[in-house]
C-alpha atoms as a PDB file:
ATOM      1  CA  MET A   1     102.068 133.870  79.215  1.00  0.00           C
ATOM      2  CA  ILE A   2     104.776 132.654  76.824  1.00  0.00           C
ATOM      3  CA  CYS A   3     108.207 134.076  76.085  1.00  0.00           C
ATOM      4  CA  PRO A   4     108.209 135.217  72.416  1.00  0.00           C
ATOM      5  CA  MET A   5     111.940 134.435  72.066  1.00  0.00           C
ATOM      6  CA  CYS A   6     112.273 130.844  73.298  1.00  0.00           C
ATOM      7  CA  GLY A   7     108.681 129.707  73.851  1.00  0.00           C
ATOM      8  CA  LEU A   8     109.130 129.191  77.594  1.00  0.00           C
ATOM      9  CA  VAL A   9     105.806 129.165  79.461  1.00  0.00           C
ATOM     10  CA  VAL A  10     106.251 131.844  82.079  1.00  0.00           C
ATOM     11  CA  GLY A  11     102.797 131.479  83.587  1.00  0.00           C
ATOM     12  CA  ASP A  12      99.750 129.331  82.819  1.00  0.00           C
ATOM     13  CA  ARG A  13      97.283 130.985  85.180  1.00  0.00           C
ATOM     14  CA  VAL A  14      97.311 134.768  84.943  1.00  0.00           C
ATOM     15  CA  ILE A  15      94.797 136.819  86.894  1.00  0.00           C
ATOM     16  CA  ASP A  16      93.546 140.020  85.343  1.00  0.00           C
ATOM     17  CA  VAL A  17      93.800 142.648  88.073  1.00  0.00           C
ATOM     18  CA  GLY A  18      92.066 145.290  85.993  1.00  0.00           C
ATOM     19  CA  SER A  19      88.626 146.700  86.651  1.00  0.00           C
ATOM     20  CA  GLU A  20      85.538 144.580  86.008  1.00  0.00           C
ATOM     21  CA  TRP A  21      83.475 146.794  83.732  1.00  0.00           C
ATOM     22  CA  ARG A  22      80.065 145.268  84.357  1.00  0.00           C
ATOM     23  CA  THR A  23      77.185 147.298  85.677  1.00  0.00           C
ATOM     24  CA  PHE A  24      74.824 145.950  88.311  1.00  0.00           C
ATOM     25  CA  SER A  25      72.464 148.897  88.294  1.00  0.00           C
ATOM     26  CA  ASN A  26      68.804 148.268  87.482  1.00  0.00           C
ATOM     27  CA  GLU A  27      68.462 151.656  85.828  1.00  0.00           C
ATOM     28  CA  LYS A  28      68.324 151.146  82.083  1.00  0.00           C
ATOM     29  CA  SER A  29      69.443 154.669  81.229  1.00  0.00           C
ATOM     30  CA  THR A  30      72.637 154.529  83.246  1.00  0.00           C
ATOM     31  CA  LYS A  31      76.048 154.555  81.576  1.00  0.00           C
ATOM     32  CA  ASP A  32      78.066 153.961  84.717  1.00  0.00           C
ATOM     33  CA  ASN A  33      80.070 150.744  84.266  1.00  0.00           C
ATOM     34  CA  SER A  34      81.667 150.651  87.693  1.00  0.00           C
ATOM     35  CA  ARG A  35      80.674 148.192  90.402  1.00  0.00           C
ATOM     36  CA  VAL A  36      81.519 150.431  93.313  1.00  0.00           C
ATOM     37  CA  GLY A  37      81.962 154.080  94.139  1.00  0.00           C
ATOM     38  CA  GLY A  38      85.194 156.001  94.475  1.00  0.00           C
ATOM     39  CA  PRO A  39      88.009 154.960  96.806  1.00  0.00           C
ATOM     40  CA  GLU A  40      87.536 155.560 100.492  1.00  0.00           C
ATOM     41  CA  ASN A  41      89.052 158.798 101.749  1.00  0.00           C
ATOM     42  CA  SER A  42      90.344 158.912 105.316  1.00  0.00           C
ATOM     43  CA  LEU A  43      89.409 162.598 105.525  1.00  0.00           C
ATOM     44  CA  PHE A  44      85.722 161.757 105.532  1.00  0.00           C
ATOM     45  CA  ASP A  45      83.655 159.710 107.931  1.00  0.00           C
ATOM     46  CA  GLY A  46      82.315 157.415 105.203  1.00  0.00           C
ATOM     47  CA  SER A  47      78.729 158.322 106.063  1.00  0.00           C
ATOM     48  CA  ASP A  48      77.989 160.142 102.826  1.00  0.00           C
ATOM     49  CA  MET A  49      76.394 157.074 101.155  1.00  0.00           C
ATOM     50  CA  SER A  50      72.733 156.283 101.575  1.00  0.00           C
ATOM     51  CA  THR A  51      70.048 154.215  99.855  1.00  0.00           C
ATOM     52  CA  MET A  52      66.698 155.626  98.803  1.00  0.00           C
ATOM     53  CA  ILE A  53      63.735 153.352  98.038  1.00  0.00           C
ATOM     54  CA  ALA A  54      60.700 154.626  96.138  1.00  0.00           C
ATOM     55  CA  THR A  55      57.490 154.014  98.041  1.00  0.00           C
ATOM     56  CA  GLY A  56      54.890 156.470  96.796  1.00  0.00           C
ATOM     57  CA  PRO A  57      52.774 155.777  93.706  1.00  0.00           C
ATOM     58  CA  GLY A  58      53.529 157.628  90.533  1.00  0.00           C
ATOM     59  CA  SER A  59      57.161 158.229  91.338  1.00  0.00           C
ATOM     60  CA  ASP A  60      58.518 158.380  87.809  1.00  0.00           C
ATOM     61  CA  GLY A  61      62.046 157.158  87.517  1.00  0.00           C
ATOM     62  CA  LEU A  62      62.003 155.442  90.915  1.00  0.00           C
ATOM     63  CA  ARG A  63      59.989 152.376  89.793  1.00  0.00           C
ATOM     64  CA  ASP A  64      60.751 149.917  87.058  1.00  0.00           C
ATOM     65  CA  GLN A  65      58.447 149.039  84.161  1.00  0.00           C
ATOM     66  CA  PHE A  66      56.606 146.478  86.290  1.00  0.00           C
ATOM     67  CA  GLY A  67      55.825 149.017  89.008  1.00  0.00           C
ATOM     68  CA  LYS A  68      58.281 147.604  91.529  1.00  0.00           C
ATOM     69  CA  PRO A  69      60.320 150.018  93.672  1.00  0.00           C
ATOM     70  CA  MET A  70      63.858 150.575  92.499  1.00  0.00           C
ATOM     71  CA  TYR A  71      66.920 150.870  94.678  1.00  0.00           C
ATOM     72  CA  ARG A  72      69.038 153.905  93.959  1.00  0.00           C
ATOM     73  CA  ASN A  73      72.301 154.808  95.570  1.00  0.00           C
ATOM     74  CA  ARG A  74      72.918 158.486  95.993  1.00  0.00           C
ATOM     75  CA  ARG A  75      75.382 160.679  97.827  1.00  0.00           C
ATOM     76  CA  THR A  76      73.897 162.884 100.479  1.00  0.00           C
ATOM     77  CA  MET A  77      76.624 165.270 101.584  1.00  0.00           C
ATOM     78  CA  ASN A  78      76.354 167.918 104.256  1.00  0.00           C
ATOM     79  CA  SER A  79      77.869 171.363 103.852  1.00  0.00           C
ATOM     80  CA  SER A  80      80.934 170.500 105.940  1.00  0.00           C
ATOM     81  CA  ASP A  81      81.883 167.495 103.815  1.00  0.00           C
ATOM     82  CA  ARG A  82      81.126 169.462 100.674  1.00  0.00           C
ATOM     83  CA  ALA A  83      83.600 172.139 101.730  1.00  0.00           C
ATOM     84  CA  LEU A  84      86.201 169.438 102.393  1.00  0.00           C
ATOM     85  CA  HIS A  85      85.624 167.909  98.964  1.00  0.00           C
ATOM     86  CA  VAL A  86      86.094 171.273  97.279  1.00  0.00           C
ATOM     87  CA  ALA A  87      89.271 171.964  99.296  1.00  0.00           C
ATOM     88  CA  VAL A  88      90.739 168.545  98.490  1.00  0.00           C
ATOM     89  CA  ARG A  89      90.157 169.125  94.798  1.00  0.00           C
ATOM     90  CA  GLU A  90      91.751 172.592  94.928  1.00  0.00           C
ATOM     91  CA  ILE A  91      94.762 171.318  96.881  1.00  0.00           C
ATOM     92  CA  ARG A  92      95.284 168.560  94.336  1.00  0.00           C
ATOM     93  CA  GLN A  93      95.133 171.058  91.463  1.00  0.00           C
ATOM     94  CA  MET A  94      97.591 173.390  93.208  1.00  0.00           C
ATOM     95  CA  ALA A  95      99.957 170.483  93.859  1.00  0.00           C
ATOM     96  CA  ASP A  96      99.908 169.526  90.176  1.00  0.00           C
ATOM     97  CA  ARG A  97     100.838 173.081  89.183  1.00  0.00           C
ATOM     98  CA  LEU A  98     103.567 173.300  91.824  1.00  0.00           C
ATOM     99  CA  ASN A  99     104.858 169.814  90.974  1.00  0.00           C
ATOM    100  CA  VAL A 100     105.044 168.603  94.577  1.00  0.00           C
ATOM    101  CA  PRO A 101     104.838 164.981  95.838  1.00  0.00           C
ATOM    102  CA  LYS A 102     101.671 163.273  97.052  1.00  0.00           C
ATOM    103  CA  MET A 103     102.777 163.151 100.698  1.00  0.00           C
ATOM    104  CA  LEU A 104     102.695 166.926 100.692  1.00  0.00           C
ATOM    105  CA  VAL A 105      99.131 166.850  99.337  1.00  0.00           C
ATOM    106  CA  ASP A 106      98.096 164.539 102.183  1.00  0.00           C
ATOM    107  CA  ARG A 107      99.631 166.877 104.754  1.00  0.00           C
ATOM    108  CA  ALA A 108      97.876 169.903 103.243  1.00  0.00           C
ATOM    109  CA  ASN A 109      94.564 168.005 103.300  1.00  0.00           C
ATOM    110  CA  ASN A 110      95.002 167.126 106.973  1.00  0.00           C
ATOM    111  CA  LEU A 111      95.920 170.707 107.830  1.00  0.00           C
ATOM    112  CA  PHE A 112      92.806 172.007 106.103  1.00  0.00           C
ATOM    113  CA  LYS A 113      90.637 169.450 107.923  1.00  0.00           C
ATOM    114  CA  GLN A 114      92.051 170.521 111.300  1.00  0.00           C
ATOM    115  CA  VAL A 115      91.394 174.176 110.527  1.00  0.00           C
ATOM    116  CA  HIS A 116      87.937 173.397 109.150  1.00  0.00           C
ATOM    117  CA  GLU A 117      86.872 171.304 112.128  1.00  0.00           C
ATOM    118  CA  GLY A 118      88.299 173.799 114.600  1.00  0.00           C
ATOM    119  CA  LYS A 119      86.165 176.571 113.050  1.00  0.00           C
ATOM    120  CA  SER A 120      88.776 179.055 114.207  1.00  0.00           C
ATOM    121  CA  LEU A 121      88.957 180.750 110.801  1.00  0.00           C
ATOM    122  CA  LYS A 122      85.247 180.900 110.160  1.00  0.00           C
ATOM    123  CA  GLY A 123      84.463 183.735 107.776  1.00  0.00           C
ATOM    124  CA  ARG A 124      87.830 183.575 106.031  1.00  0.00           C
ATOM    125  CA  SER A 125      88.016 182.807 102.334  1.00  0.00           C
ATOM    126  CA  SER A 126      88.300 179.082 101.587  1.00  0.00           C
ATOM    127  CA  ASP A 127      90.807 179.852  98.821  1.00  0.00           C
ATOM    128  CA  ALA A 128      93.049 181.689 101.280  1.00  0.00           C
ATOM    129  CA  ILE A 129      92.882 178.820 103.789  1.00  0.00           C
ATOM    130  CA  VAL A 130      93.696 176.247 101.091  1.00  0.00           C
ATOM    131  CA  SER A 131      96.637 178.324  99.856  1.00  0.00           C
ATOM    132  CA  ALA A 132      97.960 178.874 103.385  1.00  0.00           C
ATOM    133  CA  CYS A 133      97.683 175.143 104.148  1.00  0.00           C
ATOM    134  CA  MET A 134      99.627 174.344 100.982  1.00  0.00           C
ATOM    135  CA  TYR A 135     102.329 176.860 101.938  1.00  0.00           C
ATOM    136  CA  LEU A 136     102.533 175.453 105.482  1.00  0.00           C
ATOM    137  CA  ALA A 137     102.679 171.868 104.201  1.00  0.00           C
ATOM    138  CA  CYS A 138     105.575 172.805 101.900  1.00  0.00           C
ATOM    139  CA  ARG A 139     107.435 174.326 104.830  1.00  0.00           C
ATOM    140  CA  GLN A 140     106.823 171.303 107.067  1.00  0.00           C
ATOM    141  CA  GLU A 141     107.927 168.817 104.390  1.00  0.00           C
ATOM    142  CA  GLN A 142     111.197 170.726 103.851  1.00  0.00           C
ATOM    143  CA  VAL A 143     110.332 171.663 100.261  1.00  0.00           C
ATOM    144  CA  PRO A 144     109.369 175.310 100.801  1.00  0.00           C
ATOM    145  CA  ARG A 145     107.725 177.433  98.159  1.00  0.00           C
ATOM    146  CA  THR A 146     107.638 181.212  98.203  1.00  0.00           C
ATOM    147  CA  PHE A 147     104.439 183.171  98.787  1.00  0.00           C
ATOM    148  CA  LYS A 148     104.654 184.371  95.191  1.00  0.00           C
ATOM    149  CA  GLU A 149     104.760 180.791  93.899  1.00  0.00           C
ATOM    150  CA  ILE A 150     101.719 179.857  95.976  1.00  0.00           C
ATOM    151  CA  CYS A 151      99.951 183.040  94.914  1.00  0.00           C
ATOM    152  CA  ALA A 152     100.624 182.248  91.234  1.00  0.00           C
ATOM    153  CA  VAL A 153      98.546 179.045  91.449  1.00  0.00           C
ATOM    154  CA  SER A 154      95.958 180.466  93.846  1.00  0.00           C
ATOM    155  CA  LYS A 155      92.921 182.695  93.530  1.00  0.00           C
ATOM    156  CA  THR A 156      93.795 184.987  96.412  1.00  0.00           C
ATOM    157  CA  SER A 157      96.376 187.659  97.149  1.00  0.00           C
ATOM    158  CA  LYS A 158      99.810 187.194  98.681  1.00  0.00           C
ATOM    159  CA  LYS A 159      98.897 189.458 101.590  1.00  0.00           C
ATOM    160  CA  GLU A 160      95.795 187.432 102.479  1.00  0.00           C
ATOM    161  CA  ILE A 161      97.701 184.138 102.257  1.00  0.00           C
ATOM    162  CA  GLY A 162     100.326 185.470 104.664  1.00  0.00           C
ATOM    163  CA  ARG A 163      97.670 186.710 107.090  1.00  0.00           C
ATOM    164  CA  VAL A 164      95.815 183.374 107.118  1.00  0.00           C
ATOM    165  CA  PHE A 165      99.107 181.473 107.422  1.00  0.00           C
ATOM    166  CA  LYS A 166      99.912 183.297 110.666  1.00  0.00           C
ATOM    167  CA  LEU A 167      96.411 182.604 112.005  1.00  0.00           C
ATOM    168  CA  ILE A 168      96.756 178.890 111.237  1.00  0.00           C
ATOM    169  CA  LEU A 169     100.087 178.724 113.083  1.00  0.00           C
ATOM    170  CA  LYS A 170      98.487 180.414 116.067  1.00  0.00           C
ATOM    171  CA  ASN A 171      95.311 178.324 116.178  1.00  0.00           C
ATOM    172  CA  LEU A 172      96.934 174.946 115.508  1.00  0.00           C
ATOM    173  CA  GLU A 173      99.704 175.786 117.996  1.00  0.00           C
ATOM    174  CA  THR A 174     102.380 174.601 115.583  1.00  0.00           C
ATOM    175  CA  ASN A 175     105.549 176.156 114.247  1.00  0.00           C
ATOM    176  CA  VAL A 176     107.876 175.801 111.300  1.00  0.00           C
ATOM    177  CA  ASP A 177     111.616 176.108 110.872  1.00  0.00           C
ATOM    178  CA  ILE A 178     113.018 179.456 109.838  1.00  0.00           C
ATOM    179  CA  ILE A 179     113.555 179.647 106.081  1.00  0.00           C
ATOM    180  CA  LYS A 180     117.164 179.741 104.955  1.00  0.00           C
ATOM    181  CA  THR A 181     118.657 180.629 101.600  1.00  0.00           C
ATOM    182  CA  GLY A 182     119.812 177.028 101.139  1.00  0.00           C
ATOM    183  CA  ASP A 183     116.203 175.828 101.172  1.00  0.00           C
ATOM    184  CA  TYR A 184     115.608 177.447  97.769  1.00  0.00           C
ATOM    185  CA  MET A 185     119.081 177.329  96.249  1.00  0.00           C
ATOM    186  CA  SER A 186     119.003 173.797  94.841  1.00  0.00           C
ATOM    187  CA  ARG A 187     115.687 174.265  93.045  1.00  0.00           C
ATOM    188  CA  PHE A 188     116.530 177.715  91.690  1.00  0.00           C
ATOM    189  CA  CYS A 189     119.925 176.609  90.357  1.00  0.00           C
ATOM    190  CA  THR A 190     118.403 173.518  88.764  1.00  0.00           C
ATOM    191  CA  LEU A 191     115.750 175.576  87.009  1.00  0.00           C
ATOM    192  CA  LEU A 192     118.469 177.937  85.747  1.00  0.00           C
ATOM    193  CA  GLY A 193     120.553 175.005  84.522  1.00  0.00           C
ATOM    194  CA  LEU A 194     123.544 175.861  86.714  1.00  0.00           C
ATOM    195  CA  SER A 195     126.161 173.299  87.712  1.00  0.00           C
ATOM    196  CA  ASN A 196     126.620 171.845  91.174  1.00  0.00           C
ATOM    197  CA  LEU A 197     129.807 173.875  91.618  1.00  0.00           C
ATOM    198  CA  LEU A 198     127.946 177.111  90.940  1.00  0.00           C
ATOM    199  CA  GLN A 199     125.172 176.032  93.289  1.00  0.00           C
ATOM    200  CA  LYS A 200     127.725 175.342  96.015  1.00  0.00           C
ATOM    201  CA  ALA A 201     129.339 178.750  95.442  1.00  0.00           C
ATOM    202  CA  ALA A 202     125.986 180.580  95.483  1.00  0.00           C
ATOM    203  CA  THR A 203     125.013 178.825  98.705  1.00  0.00           C
ATOM    204  CA  HIS A 204     128.332 179.816 100.292  1.00  0.00           C
ATOM    205  CA  ILE A 205     127.929 183.435  99.155  1.00  0.00           C
ATOM    206  CA  ALA A 206     124.371 183.706 100.503  1.00  0.00           C
ATOM    207  CA  LYS A 207     125.290 182.185 103.871  1.00  0.00           C
ATOM    208  CA  LYS A 208     128.330 184.430 104.315  1.00  0.00           C
ATOM    209  CA  ALA A 209     126.329 187.511 103.299  1.00  0.00           C
ATOM    210  CA  GLN A 210     123.743 186.781 105.973  1.00  0.00           C
ATOM    211  CA  ASP A 211     126.373 185.943 108.600  1.00  0.00           C
ATOM    212  CA  MET A 212     128.119 189.244 107.898  1.00  0.00           C
ATOM    213  CA  ASP A 213     124.768 191.069 107.943  1.00  0.00           C
ATOM    214  CA  LEU A 214     125.365 192.654 104.547  1.00  0.00           C
ATOM    215  CA  VAL A 215     121.706 192.563 103.528  1.00  0.00           C
ATOM    216  CA  PRO A 216     119.667 193.484 106.626  1.00  0.00           C
ATOM    217  CA  GLY A 217     115.934 193.307 106.138  1.00  0.00           C
ATOM    218  CA  LYS A 218     116.129 191.319 102.905  1.00  0.00           C
ATOM    219  CA  SER A 219     114.240 188.039 102.610  1.00  0.00           C
ATOM    220  CA  PRO A 220     116.175 184.770 102.133  1.00  0.00           C
ATOM    221  CA  VAL A 221     114.773 184.508  98.610  1.00  0.00           C
ATOM    222  CA  SER A 222     116.192 187.918  97.672  1.00  0.00           C
ATOM    223  CA  VAL A 223     119.587 187.034  99.126  1.00  0.00           C
ATOM    224  CA  ALA A 224     119.573 183.704  97.284  1.00  0.00           C
ATOM    225  CA  ALA A 225     118.744 185.447  93.998  1.00  0.00           C
ATOM    226  CA  ALA A 226     121.572 187.968  94.456  1.00  0.00           C
ATOM    227  CA  ALA A 227     124.038 185.200  95.350  1.00  0.00           C
ATOM    228  CA  ILE A 228     123.082 183.206  92.253  1.00  0.00           C
ATOM    229  CA  TYR A 229     123.535 186.299  90.093  1.00  0.00           C
ATOM    230  CA  MET A 230     126.964 187.013  91.599  1.00  0.00           C
ATOM    231  CA  ALA A 231     128.194 183.418  91.234  1.00  0.00           C
ATOM    232  CA  SER A 232     127.023 183.219  87.635  1.00  0.00           C
ATOM    233  CA  GLN A 233     128.716 186.514  86.721  1.00  0.00           C
ATOM    234  CA  ALA A 234     132.041 185.126  87.943  1.00  0.00           C
ATOM    235  CA  SER A 235     131.655 181.949  85.834  1.00  0.00           C
ATOM    236  CA  ASP A 236     131.277 181.055  82.172  1.00  0.00           C
ATOM    237  CA  ASP A 237     127.537 180.469  82.596  1.00  0.00           C
ATOM    238  CA  LYS A 238     126.424 184.060  83.145  1.00  0.00           C
ATOM    239  CA  LYS A 239     122.786 184.812  83.951  1.00  0.00           C
ATOM    240  CA  THR A 240     121.075 188.171  83.645  1.00  0.00           C
ATOM    241  CA  PRO A 241     118.977 189.664  86.471  1.00  0.00           C
ATOM    242  CA  LYS A 242     115.882 189.033  84.337  1.00  0.00           C
ATOM    243  CA  GLU A 243     116.658 185.302  84.000  1.00  0.00           C
ATOM    244  CA  VAL A 244     117.223 185.014  87.743  1.00  0.00           C
ATOM    245  CA  SER A 245     114.060 187.030  88.384  1.00  0.00           C
ATOM    246  CA  ASP A 246     111.914 184.786  86.172  1.00  0.00           C
ATOM    247  CA  VAL A 247     112.941 181.705  88.181  1.00  0.00           C
ATOM    248  CA  THR A 248     113.079 183.102  91.711  1.00  0.00           C
ATOM    249  CA  GLY A 249     110.132 185.503  91.475  1.00  0.00           C
ATOM    250  CA  VAL A 250     112.268 188.323  92.926  1.00  0.00           C
ATOM    251  CA  ALA A 251     112.027 191.651  91.127  1.00  0.00           C
ATOM    252  CA  GLU A 252     115.038 192.682  89.055  1.00  0.00           C
ATOM    253  CA  VAL A 253     115.359 195.891  91.072  1.00  0.00           C
ATOM    254  CA  THR A 254     115.527 193.902  94.322  1.00  0.00           C
ATOM    255  CA  ILE A 255     118.160 191.563  92.888  1.00  0.00           C
ATOM    256  CA  ARG A 256     120.298 194.511  91.783  1.00  0.00           C
ATOM    257  CA  LEU A 257     119.962 196.254  95.158  1.00  0.00           C
ATOM    258  CA  SER A 258     120.904 193.110  97.082  1.00  0.00           C
ATOM    259  CA  TYR A 259     123.796 192.453  94.706  1.00  0.00           C
ATOM    260  CA  LYS A 260     125.005 196.035  95.086  1.00  0.00           C
ATOM    261  CA  ALA A 261     125.033 195.569  98.872  1.00  0.00           C
ATOM    262  CA  ILE A 262     127.208 192.443  98.790  1.00  0.00           C
ATOM    263  CA  ILE A 263     129.576 193.157  95.870  1.00  0.00           C
ATOM    264  CA  PRO A 264     131.995 195.287  97.962  1.00  0.00           C
ATOM    265  CA  LYS A 265     132.720 192.193 100.105  1.00  0.00           C
ATOM    266  CA  ALA A 266     132.938 189.777  97.164  1.00  0.00           C
ATOM    267  CA  VAL A 267     136.503 188.730  98.042  1.00  0.00           C
ATOM    268  CA  GLU A 268     135.313 187.425 101.410  1.00  0.00           C
ATOM    269  CA  LEU A 269     132.112 185.886 100.084  1.00  0.00           C
ATOM    270  CA  PHE A 270     133.407 183.532  97.386  1.00  0.00           C
ATOM    271  CA  PRO A 271     134.699 180.080  98.395  1.00  0.00           C
ATOM    272  CA  LYS A 272     138.479 179.828  98.395  1.00  0.00           C
ATOM    273  CA  ASP A 273     138.477 177.011  95.825  1.00  0.00           C
ATOM    274  CA  PHE A 274     136.183 178.801  93.355  1.00  0.00           C
ATOM    275  CA  LYS A 275     137.554 178.947  89.817  1.00  0.00           C
ATOM    276  CA  PHE A 276     136.910 182.412  88.404  1.00  0.00           C
ATOM    277  CA  SER A 277     136.253 182.904  84.714  1.00  0.00           C
ATOM    278  CA  THR A 278     135.754 186.609  85.370  1.00  0.00           C
ATOM    279  CA  PRO A 279     137.958 188.165  88.084  1.00  0.00           C
ATOM    280  CA  ILE A 280     136.251 189.829  91.016  1.00  0.00           C
ATOM    281  CA  GLU A 281     137.526 193.260  90.012  1.00  0.00           C
ATOM    282  CA  CYS A 282     135.823 192.831  86.609  1.00  0.00           C
ATOM    283  CA  LEU A 283     132.408 191.914  88.006  1.00  0.00           C
ATOM    284  CA  PRO A 284     129.592 194.419  87.311  1.00  0.00           C
ATOM    285  CA  LEU A 285     128.979 196.878  90.116  1.00  0.00           C
ATOM    286  CA  ASN A 286     125.170 196.742  89.862  1.00  0.00           C
END
């Protein structure tokens, strides 16, 4: 390895750490150029590999051209491991669509394995269990996603995911922190392209609205959406209810109703150092 600028020899013995694409199979028709199988997965026991040797005469494909028995590696997987493999693949696909880190995927995999081995949810849809495990993993890793977001990348309904989620909490005897508006605020504001000052103001508005009990019965996501809408309307970077709805997943009607409930107390909700582009008295009433 030589520097192209000055000719300095950086290294004279470089080891290629890439894959060795030679095949050691004695099957002529094979196109598999890998020496080994896939990487070991800690979720499985590692007992899904076996070797089969042809012994009976006339076993086409299991003997070579000289009539000698051939060794063939094959995967023999029971139904339990097969279900785990399918779940792992689905969790990975959901994680790619949700754009979440790998550590969250590992947690969701472990949650599914615990539920699967416990057989406490036998008879429930595998898709619902996978979706509920992904939702629970997001909550436990402090990067929560809404039920609607999970439902959008799942094959099951929001109602079923919520039902299975509660069953998993009960059977695994675990709990999660209560969701707050601040848990979603950073991601929602980033997706809307709002500044840090607007995010800070929206977070303050949502927290004060909940402390003052202005929106009883409303979910934290709905309150966060209304707070973002209010903060944006008071700034130069105004967002419509539809834009906020597209990002948060909250219906426009719900955003307007929540906003209508908190606008009378707008003077008390905004931070004292907030710089208004639109005065409070000029803010829309719905």
